[in-house]
Amino acid sequence: MDYRVYRVDRRGREPLRQFMLDALAGAGCSILQASPPDQAPFRISFVTPAGERLGILVYAFTSTFTPTKNRPPDEHSFQIKYGSKEYGQPAKLHHLWQDPYGLYTTLCCGINPDQGFFVGVDPEMHNPTKFFIRFEFKQSDVDEILNKGWHCWERDVRREHDEPVEVVVGGRASSFLQYVRFERMAFREDQGHRQLLAERIAEAPTSGLFTPAAESNESGPPAPLLHALAQEFEMPERQVLDLIASARRLKMAVRGWVAEEKLVESLKTVDGVTECLRIDGEGGPDVTLRYLGSRPLTVQCKNVLRGRTAAGEARMDFQRTRASKADPCSRFYRLDDFDLIAACLHAVSLRWQFSYAVPSVLDKHQTCSGRLSNRVRIDGRWSDDAAAVLARAADPPWTARR
């Protein structure tokens, strides 16, 4: 395993390590191996009561409640850091390791051993990270964790408006194994579906969604009517689906493709739409089509967040996950990056529904010229009528402006 190991204070880190070991043992797991407390991140391998062999690599930090001058009185926090800070030197970027084979699950969390809870952040949103980053959360969230055993929420980023929205999870020790399973499933998911998955843990912690896929009872050679892919894999169709459900990278990839495939299916039903195809590429629009003989139009598909506004409107964090170091504004989309935006409402409606808008009607970024704001509300500027929005995107004056 090729990841950076940091030397840390044994006395200060042992309570974090012991919290995790006790939590896993309390869930019926048998510990196979655990790295020593003076080495970080912690590496732990174990066998679950169902017989699964799992491994975790944990960037764990001590969560404290220490009232500080000029800070909110109800604020808990932990510092994401290892080692000592070099005075006068710029903070260095540190990569949080992810297992390319998917055998180990990476966690990044604060642990309060005294009160018996943990708070987990999305490792991929903090990858790479600067050390000596302070992560804050409220007493009200701690109360929810301790009362319910499992809690999820959107981190309040109003102080830094352009930060991506992040969904945070927390739990008591009894929820730690479910936390491991959650992060396996939520790997590289958009934040709306990350929150949806977290809520489903709270609603049905023992459902099959968060337990190992059942062994298929089907046997024998593939039947002639099986899907060609199942025949190629020499597996029953149910077993292929079980495989996708149990492999986080597969499920993450399939979920993204499903949203885009559902969008294509929906757009193909619109009168006047032709040549509607998915674009199999990275970083660009997701769909191309023609409308009433127009030039090719491009469509960007984005998932909404789970939480709504006070007025009941869906919300979207409309920005790329990464930005160029030389150009921080590259995180935000240009007006001419695509002709149409399709907001996938699945995270709030649990149905594959879409709302549409052209970029010109959306708010512009306040500081990045020529870019769109990352804070988007699905309000009256959006429409469920794809034909009306396509007509506007294909309008000749709009074409000329491009």
Protein backbone atom coordinates (compact mmCIF):
# COMPACT_ATOMS: atom_id res chain seq x y z
CA MET A 1 0.00 0.00 0.00
CA ASP A 2 1.62 3.20 -1.22
CA TYR A 3 0.44 6.02 1.06
CA ARG A 4 2.23 8.56 3.21
CA VAL A 5 2.64 7.61 6.87
CA TYR A 6 2.93 10.35 9.50
CA ARG A 7 4.48 9.99 12.93
CA VAL A 8 2.01 11.16 15.57
CA ASP A 9 1.84 11.34 19.36
CA ARG A 10 0.92 7.89 20.68
CA ARG A 11 -0.77 9.17 23.83
CA GLY A 12 -2.95 11.65 21.94
CA ARG A 13 -3.98 9.26 19.14
CA GLU A 14 -4.52 6.03 21.06
CA PRO A 15 -8.06 7.06 22.20
CA LEU A 16 -9.08 7.55 18.55
CA ARG A 17 -7.74 4.16 17.53
CA GLN A 18 -9.36 2.47 20.52
CA PHE A 19 -12.71 4.13 19.78
CA MET A 20 -12.73 2.54 16.31
CA LEU A 21 -11.55 -0.87 17.50
CA ASP A 22 -14.14 -0.95 20.27
CA ALA A 23 -16.86 0.23 17.88
CA LEU A 24 -16.09 -2.54 15.38
CA ALA A 25 -15.83 -5.18 18.11
CA GLY A 26 -19.15 -3.96 19.51
CA ALA A 27 -20.71 -4.56 16.08
CA GLY A 28 -19.53 -8.17 16.17
CA CYS A 29 -16.45 -7.73 13.98
CA SER A 30 -13.20 -9.62 14.46
CA ILE A 31 -10.11 -7.42 14.13
CA LEU A 32 -7.47 -8.94 11.88
CA GLN A 33 -4.84 -6.21 12.04
CA ALA A 34 -4.51 -2.63 13.26
CA SER A 35 -1.58 -0.27 12.73
CA PRO A 36 0.09 1.15 15.88
CA PRO A 37 -1.28 4.37 17.43
CA ASP A 38 1.87 6.39 16.66
CA GLN A 39 1.37 6.02 12.91
CA ALA A 40 -1.24 7.89 10.90
CA PRO A 41 -3.46 7.35 9.05
CA PHE A 42 -4.76 4.28 10.92
CA ARG A 43 -5.09 1.08 8.93
CA ILE A 44 -7.50 -1.55 10.24
CA SER A 45 -8.67 -4.79 8.67
CA PHE A 46 -11.49 -6.86 10.10
CA VAL A 47 -14.12 -9.51 9.42
CA THR A 48 -17.80 -8.61 9.81
CA PRO A 49 -20.41 -10.93 11.36
CA ALA A 50 -21.51 -11.76 7.80
CA GLY A 51 -18.00 -12.99 6.97
CA GLU A 52 -16.87 -10.02 4.86
CA ARG A 53 -13.22 -9.05 5.02
CA LEU A 54 -13.02 -5.25 5.00
CA GLY A 55 -10.27 -2.72 5.45
CA ILE A 56 -10.29 0.96 6.35
CA LEU A 57 -7.67 3.68 6.15
CA VAL A 58 -8.69 6.42 8.56
CA TYR A 59 -7.47 10.00 8.74
CA ALA A 60 -8.77 10.54 12.29
CA PHE A 61 -8.52 13.69 14.40
CA THR A 62 -9.62 14.60 17.91
CA SER A 63 -12.89 16.51 18.07
CA THR A 64 -13.15 19.00 20.94
CA PHE A 65 -15.57 21.49 22.42
CA THR A 66 -13.48 24.42 23.62
CA PRO A 67 -15.23 27.82 23.76
CA THR A 68 -12.98 30.33 22.03
CA LYS A 69 -13.04 34.11 21.97
CA ASN A 70 -14.76 35.56 18.88
CA ARG A 71 -16.11 32.12 17.94
CA PRO A 72 -19.72 30.86 18.30
CA PRO A 73 -20.28 29.51 21.82
CA ASP A 74 -21.91 26.29 20.53
CA GLU A 75 -19.09 25.31 18.18
CA HIS A 76 -17.34 21.93 18.15
CA SER A 77 -14.32 21.42 15.89
CA PHE A 78 -11.36 19.29 14.89
CA GLN A 79 -8.21 20.15 13.00
CA ILE A 80 -7.27 18.16 9.93
CA LYS A 81 -3.53 18.01 10.45
CA TYR A 82 -0.53 15.77 11.00
CA GLY A 83 2.93 16.92 11.98
CA SER A 84 4.07 20.41 12.88
CA LYS A 85 3.49 23.53 10.86
CA GLU A 86 6.58 25.18 9.42
CA TYR A 87 6.51 28.80 10.51
CA GLY A 88 6.39 31.25 7.63
CA GLN A 89 6.04 28.50 5.01
CA PRO A 90 2.95 28.11 2.83
CA ALA A 91 0.72 25.15 3.64
CA LYS A 92 1.49 22.08 1.56
CA LEU A 93 -1.11 19.92 -0.14
CA HIS A 94 -1.50 16.40 1.24
CA HIS A 95 -3.25 13.65 -0.66
CA LEU A 96 -5.73 11.39 1.09
CA TRP A 97 -5.02 7.92 -0.22
CA GLN A 98 -7.72 5.96 -2.04
CA ASP A 99 -7.25 2.25 -2.74
CA PRO A 100 -7.23 1.81 -6.54
CA TYR A 101 -8.48 -1.75 -6.05
CA GLY A 102 -11.38 -0.75 -3.80
CA LEU A 103 -10.43 -3.15 -1.01
CA TYR A 104 -9.82 -0.46 1.59
CA THR A 105 -12.27 2.35 2.32
CA THR A 106 -10.82 5.76 3.15
CA LEU A 107 -12.40 7.69 6.03
CA CYS A 108 -11.70 11.23 7.20
CA CYS A 109 -13.31 12.05 10.53
CA GLY A 110 -13.19 13.76 13.86
CA ILE A 111 -13.74 11.58 16.94
CA ASN A 112 -14.75 12.63 20.42
CA PRO A 113 -13.92 9.57 22.56
CA ASP A 114 -15.22 11.13 25.77
CA GLN A 115 -18.71 11.82 24.40
CA GLY A 116 -18.65 8.74 22.18
CA PHE A 117 -19.32 10.12 18.70
CA PHE A 118 -17.63 10.69 15.35
CA VAL A 119 -18.17 13.23 12.54
CA GLY A 120 -17.17 12.19 9.01
CA VAL A 121 -16.40 14.48 6.08
CA ASP A 122 -16.31 13.49 2.41
CA PRO A 123 -12.69 12.38 1.80
CA GLU A 124 -12.81 13.20 -1.90
CA MET A 125 -13.94 16.78 -1.24
CA HIS A 126 -10.84 17.21 0.94
CA ASN A 127 -8.46 15.53 -1.50
CA PRO A 128 -5.92 17.00 -1.70
CA THR A 129 -6.10 18.95 1.55
CA LYS A 130 -4.02 21.53 3.31
CA PHE A 131 -3.18 20.53 6.85
CA PHE A 132 -4.14 22.70 9.78
CA ILE A 133 -7.64 23.07 8.35
CA ARG A 134 -10.24 23.61 11.07
CA PHE A 135 -13.57 21.87 10.60
CA GLU A 136 -16.45 23.24 12.67
CA PHE A 137 -19.91 21.96 13.50
CA LYS A 138 -22.67 22.88 15.94
CA GLN A 139 -23.86 21.59 19.29
CA SER A 140 -27.27 21.04 17.70
CA ASP A 141 -25.67 18.48 15.33
CA VAL A 142 -23.97 16.76 18.26
CA ASP A 143 -27.34 16.58 20.04
CA GLU A 144 -28.87 14.92 16.97
CA ILE A 145 -26.01 12.42 16.79
CA LEU A 146 -26.27 11.47 20.46
CA ASN A 147 -30.08 11.32 20.45
CA LYS A 148 -30.53 9.37 17.21
CA GLY A 149 -27.24 7.51 16.81
CA TRP A 150 -26.86 8.68 13.19
CA HIS A 151 -27.24 12.14 11.65
CA CYS A 152 -26.41 13.89 8.37
CA TRP A 153 -26.45 17.55 7.41
CA GLU A 154 -25.15 20.12 4.94
CA ARG A 155 -22.17 22.02 6.22
CA ASP A 156 -22.84 25.74 6.61
CA VAL A 157 -20.51 27.46 4.13
CA ARG A 158 -22.03 30.92 4.16
CA ARG A 159 -18.79 32.44 5.42
CA GLU A 160 -17.01 31.22 2.28
CA HIS A 161 -19.68 31.46 -0.35
CA ASP A 162 -17.81 29.72 -3.15
CA GLU A 163 -16.94 26.57 -1.20
CA PRO A 164 -18.68 23.50 -2.60
CA VAL A 165 -21.62 22.25 -0.58
CA GLU A 166 -20.56 19.33 1.60
CA VAL A 167 -22.74 16.72 3.27
CA VAL A 168 -21.40 15.64 6.66
CA VAL A 169 -22.37 12.52 8.61
CA GLY A 170 -22.03 11.68 12.26
CA GLY A 171 -22.85 8.84 14.61
CA ARG A 172 -22.27 7.12 17.90
CA ALA A 173 -19.87 4.19 18.16
CA SER A 174 -22.75 1.80 17.44
CA SER A 175 -23.04 3.32 13.94
CA PHE A 176 -19.36 3.10 13.02
CA LEU A 177 -19.67 -0.07 10.91
CA GLN A 178 -22.58 1.50 9.03
CA TYR A 179 -20.37 4.56 8.50
CA VAL A 180 -17.76 2.35 6.83
CA ARG A 181 -20.41 0.84 4.56
CA PHE A 182 -21.81 4.29 3.82
CA GLU A 183 -18.45 5.69 2.69
CA ARG A 184 -17.92 2.62 0.49
CA MET A 185 -21.21 3.35 -1.25
CA ALA A 186 -20.90 7.16 -1.31
CA PHE A 187 -17.43 7.22 -2.89
CA ARG A 188 -17.37 10.09 -5.42
CA GLU A 189 -21.13 10.48 -5.34
CA ASP A 190 -22.56 13.96 -5.84
CA GLN A 191 -23.60 15.59 -2.58
CA GLY A 192 -27.35 15.26 -3.20
CA HIS A 193 -27.14 11.49 -3.49
CA ARG A 194 -24.59 11.33 -0.66
CA GLN A 195 -27.21 12.86 1.61
CA LEU A 196 -29.92 10.59 0.23
CA LEU A 197 -27.80 7.53 1.04
CA ALA A 198 -27.08 8.87 4.52
CA GLU A 199 -30.77 9.42 5.18
CA ARG A 200 -31.59 5.90 4.07
CA ILE A 201 -29.16 4.53 6.64
CA ALA A 202 -31.10 6.37 9.33
CA GLU A 203 -34.44 5.17 7.98
CA ALA A 204 -33.49 1.52 7.46
CA PRO A 205 -30.11 0.67 9.04
CA THR A 206 -30.60 -3.06 8.57
CA SER A 207 -31.95 -2.94 5.02
CA GLY A 208 -30.21 -4.81 2.25
CA LEU A 209 -29.02 -1.49 0.85
CA PHE A 210 -26.25 -1.38 3.48
CA THR A 211 -25.55 -5.07 4.02
CA PRO A 212 -23.68 -7.53 1.82
CA ALA A 213 -25.45 -8.60 -1.34
CA ALA A 214 -27.30 -11.85 -0.86
CA GLU A 215 -25.85 -14.94 -2.42
CA SER A 216 -27.78 -15.91 -5.49
CA ASN A 217 -29.59 -19.25 -5.35
CA GLU A 218 -29.55 -19.51 -9.12
CA SER A 219 -27.28 -22.16 -10.53
CA GLY A 220 -26.53 -23.94 -13.76
CA PRO A 221 -25.47 -22.59 -17.17
CA PRO A 222 -26.87 -19.26 -18.40
CA ALA A 223 -30.31 -19.57 -19.95
CA PRO A 224 -30.68 -18.63 -23.64
CA LEU A 225 -32.86 -15.61 -22.78
CA LEU A 226 -30.34 -14.07 -20.40
CA HIS A 227 -28.99 -10.62 -21.19
CA ALA A 228 -25.88 -10.80 -23.36
CA LEU A 229 -23.77 -9.23 -20.61
CA ALA A 230 -24.83 -11.91 -18.13
CA GLN A 231 -23.97 -14.55 -20.70
CA GLU A 232 -20.58 -12.97 -21.29
CA PHE A 233 -19.86 -12.94 -17.54
CA GLU A 234 -21.31 -16.45 -17.12
CA MET A 235 -23.36 -15.14 -14.20
CA PRO A 236 -27.11 -15.00 -13.52
CA GLU A 237 -28.59 -11.55 -14.10
CA ARG A 238 -29.37 -11.15 -10.41
CA GLN A 239 -25.77 -11.86 -9.54
CA VAL A 240 -24.60 -9.16 -11.96
CA LEU A 241 -26.89 -6.65 -10.19
CA ASP A 242 -25.69 -7.85 -6.79
CA LEU A 243 -22.13 -7.29 -7.97
CA ILE A 244 -22.91 -3.70 -8.96
CA ALA A 245 -24.69 -3.08 -5.65
CA SER A 246 -21.74 -4.35 -3.63
CA ALA A 247 -18.95 -2.54 -5.52
CA ARG A 248 -18.88 1.17 -4.72
CA ARG A 249 -17.02 2.25 -7.85
CA LEU A 250 -19.35 0.28 -10.09
CA LYS A 251 -22.47 1.66 -8.44
CA MET A 252 -21.16 5.23 -8.52
CA ALA A 253 -20.41 4.93 -12.24
CA VAL A 254 -23.74 3.27 -13.01
CA ARG A 255 -25.73 5.91 -11.08
CA GLY A 256 -24.15 8.72 -13.10
CA TRP A 257 -24.85 6.93 -16.36
CA VAL A 258 -28.43 6.22 -15.33
CA ALA A 259 -29.13 9.94 -14.83
CA GLU A 260 -27.75 10.76 -18.26
CA GLU A 261 -29.53 7.82 -19.90
CA LYS A 262 -32.82 8.89 -18.30
CA LEU A 263 -32.23 12.39 -19.63
CA VAL A 264 -31.67 11.08 -23.16
CA GLU A 265 -34.83 8.96 -22.92
CA SER A 266 -36.81 12.00 -21.78
CA LEU A 267 -35.45 14.31 -24.47
CA LYS A 268 -36.11 11.78 -27.24
CA THR A 269 -39.83 11.97 -26.48
CA VAL A 270 -39.89 15.71 -27.25
CA ASP A 271 -41.37 16.46 -30.67
CA GLY A 272 -38.70 17.91 -32.94
CA VAL A 273 -35.71 16.38 -31.17
CA THR A 274 -33.40 14.33 -33.39
CA GLU A 275 -29.87 12.94 -33.16
CA CYS A 276 -30.09 12.84 -29.36
CA LEU A 277 -26.98 11.07 -28.05
CA ARG A 278 -24.92 10.80 -24.88
CA ILE A 279 -21.41 12.23 -25.09
CA ASP A 280 -18.97 9.75 -23.60
CA GLY A 281 -16.25 12.16 -22.49
CA GLU A 282 -14.76 13.79 -19.42
CA GLY A 283 -15.32 17.38 -18.38
CA GLY A 284 -17.66 18.45 -21.18
CA PRO A 285 -21.40 18.43 -21.88
CA ASP A 286 -23.27 15.17 -21.41
CA VAL A 287 -25.75 15.13 -24.31
CA THR A 288 -25.94 16.48 -27.85
CA LEU A 289 -29.06 16.84 -30.00
CA ARG A 290 -30.78 18.85 -32.71
CA TYR A 291 -34.13 20.57 -32.25
CA LEU A 292 -36.31 21.28 -35.32
CA GLY A 293 -33.27 21.04 -37.55
CA SER A 294 -31.09 23.35 -35.44
CA ARG A 295 -27.34 23.22 -35.16
CA PRO A 296 -26.14 20.61 -32.62
CA LEU A 297 -27.11 21.71 -29.11
CA THR A 298 -25.24 20.54 -26.02
CA VAL A 299 -26.81 19.72 -22.66
CA GLN A 300 -25.14 19.65 -19.24
CA CYS A 301 -26.81 17.31 -16.72
CA LYS A 302 -26.40 18.14 -13.02
CA ASN A 303 -27.91 16.56 -9.91
CA VAL A 304 -29.63 18.76 -7.34
CA LEU A 305 -28.89 18.74 -3.64
CA ARG A 306 -31.09 16.86 -1.20
CA GLY A 307 -32.17 19.89 0.88
CA ARG A 308 -34.58 22.50 -0.44
CA THR A 309 -34.79 26.25 0.21
CA ALA A 310 -37.23 27.64 2.77
CA ALA A 311 -39.56 28.34 -0.16
CA GLY A 312 -39.46 24.67 -1.19
CA GLU A 313 -37.22 25.17 -4.23
CA ALA A 314 -34.64 22.57 -5.22
CA ARG A 315 -31.00 23.72 -5.08
CA MET A 316 -27.93 22.91 -7.13
CA ASP A 317 -24.24 23.39 -6.37
CA PHE A 318 -23.25 24.32 -9.92
CA GLN A 319 -19.48 24.02 -10.12
CA ARG A 320 -16.73 21.58 -10.94
CA THR A 321 -15.13 19.56 -8.17
CA ARG A 322 -11.63 20.72 -9.04
CA ALA A 323 -10.14 24.03 -10.18
CA SER A 324 -6.85 24.81 -11.86
CA LYS A 325 -4.24 26.10 -9.40
CA ALA A 326 -3.41 28.87 -11.89
CA ASP A 327 -7.07 29.91 -12.30
CA PRO A 328 -9.43 29.48 -9.32
CA CYS A 329 -12.30 30.70 -11.49
CA SER A 330 -11.98 27.58 -13.67
CA ARG A 331 -14.11 25.80 -11.06
CA PHE A 332 -17.14 27.71 -12.36
CA TYR A 333 -18.86 27.17 -15.71
CA ARG A 334 -18.78 29.68 -18.55
CA LEU A 335 -21.99 30.86 -20.20
CA ASP A 336 -20.92 29.23 -23.47
CA ASP A 337 -19.78 25.86 -22.09
CA PHE A 338 -23.15 24.36 -23.20
CA ASP A 339 -26.51 25.42 -24.62
CA LEU A 340 -28.84 23.91 -22.04
CA ILE A 341 -28.72 22.80 -18.42
CA ALA A 342 -30.82 19.87 -17.19
CA ALA A 343 -31.29 19.66 -13.43
CA CYS A 344 -31.90 16.06 -12.37
CA LEU A 345 -34.39 16.15 -9.48
CA HIS A 346 -33.95 12.54 -8.33
CA ALA A 347 -32.28 13.45 -5.03
CA VAL A 348 -35.39 15.36 -3.89
CA SER A 349 -38.25 13.66 -5.77
CA LEU A 350 -36.83 10.09 -5.91
CA ARG A 351 -37.98 10.08 -9.54
CA TRP A 352 -35.94 10.65 -12.68
CA GLN A 353 -37.39 14.07 -13.45
CA PHE A 354 -35.66 17.04 -15.07
CA SER A 355 -36.02 20.80 -15.16
CA TYR A 356 -34.34 22.90 -17.85
CA ALA A 357 -32.80 26.34 -18.30
CA VAL A 358 -30.49 28.17 -20.73
CA PRO A 359 -27.31 29.61 -19.16
CA SER A 360 -28.21 33.22 -20.06
CA VAL A 361 -31.08 33.36 -17.52
CA LEU A 362 -28.99 32.23 -14.55
CA ASP A 363 -27.12 34.44 -12.10
CA LYS A 364 -23.59 35.43 -13.01
CA HIS A 365 -20.68 34.86 -10.66
CA GLN A 366 -19.98 37.93 -8.57
CA THR A 367 -16.20 37.89 -8.90
CA CYS A 368 -15.34 35.62 -11.86
CA SER A 369 -16.19 37.46 -15.06
CA GLY A 370 -17.98 35.43 -17.73
CA ARG A 371 -18.76 32.60 -15.28
CA LEU A 372 -22.02 31.36 -13.82
CA SER A 373 -22.81 31.48 -10.11
CA ASN A 374 -22.37 28.21 -8.26
CA ARG A 375 -25.44 28.82 -6.08
CA VAL A 376 -28.46 27.86 -8.16
CA ARG A 377 -32.13 27.66 -7.20
CA ILE A 378 -34.53 25.73 -9.41
CA ASP A 379 -37.04 28.59 -9.46
CA GLY A 380 -39.27 30.28 -12.05
CA ARG A 381 -36.38 30.63 -14.49
CA TRP A 382 -36.44 26.87 -14.93
CA SER A 383 -39.06 24.88 -16.80
CA ASP A 384 -40.21 21.27 -17.00
CA ASP A 385 -41.16 21.99 -20.63
CA ALA A 386 -38.06 20.84 -22.49
CA ALA A 387 -39.43 21.96 -25.87
CA ALA A 388 -39.82 25.57 -24.73
CA VAL A 389 -36.29 25.74 -23.37
CA LEU A 390 -34.85 23.96 -26.43
CA ALA A 391 -36.56 26.53 -28.66
CA ARG A 392 -34.87 29.30 -26.72
CA ALA A 393 -31.47 27.58 -26.90
CA ALA A 394 -31.86 27.08 -30.66
CA ASP A 395 -33.05 30.67 -31.28
CA PRO A 396 -30.86 32.40 -33.92
CA PRO A 397 -30.01 35.47 -31.78
CA TRP A 398 -28.73 33.15 -29.05
CA THR A 399 -26.75 31.28 -31.70
CA ALA A 400 -25.19 34.50 -32.91
CA ARG A 401 -24.10 35.45 -29.40
CA ARG A 402 -22.20 32.19 -29.21
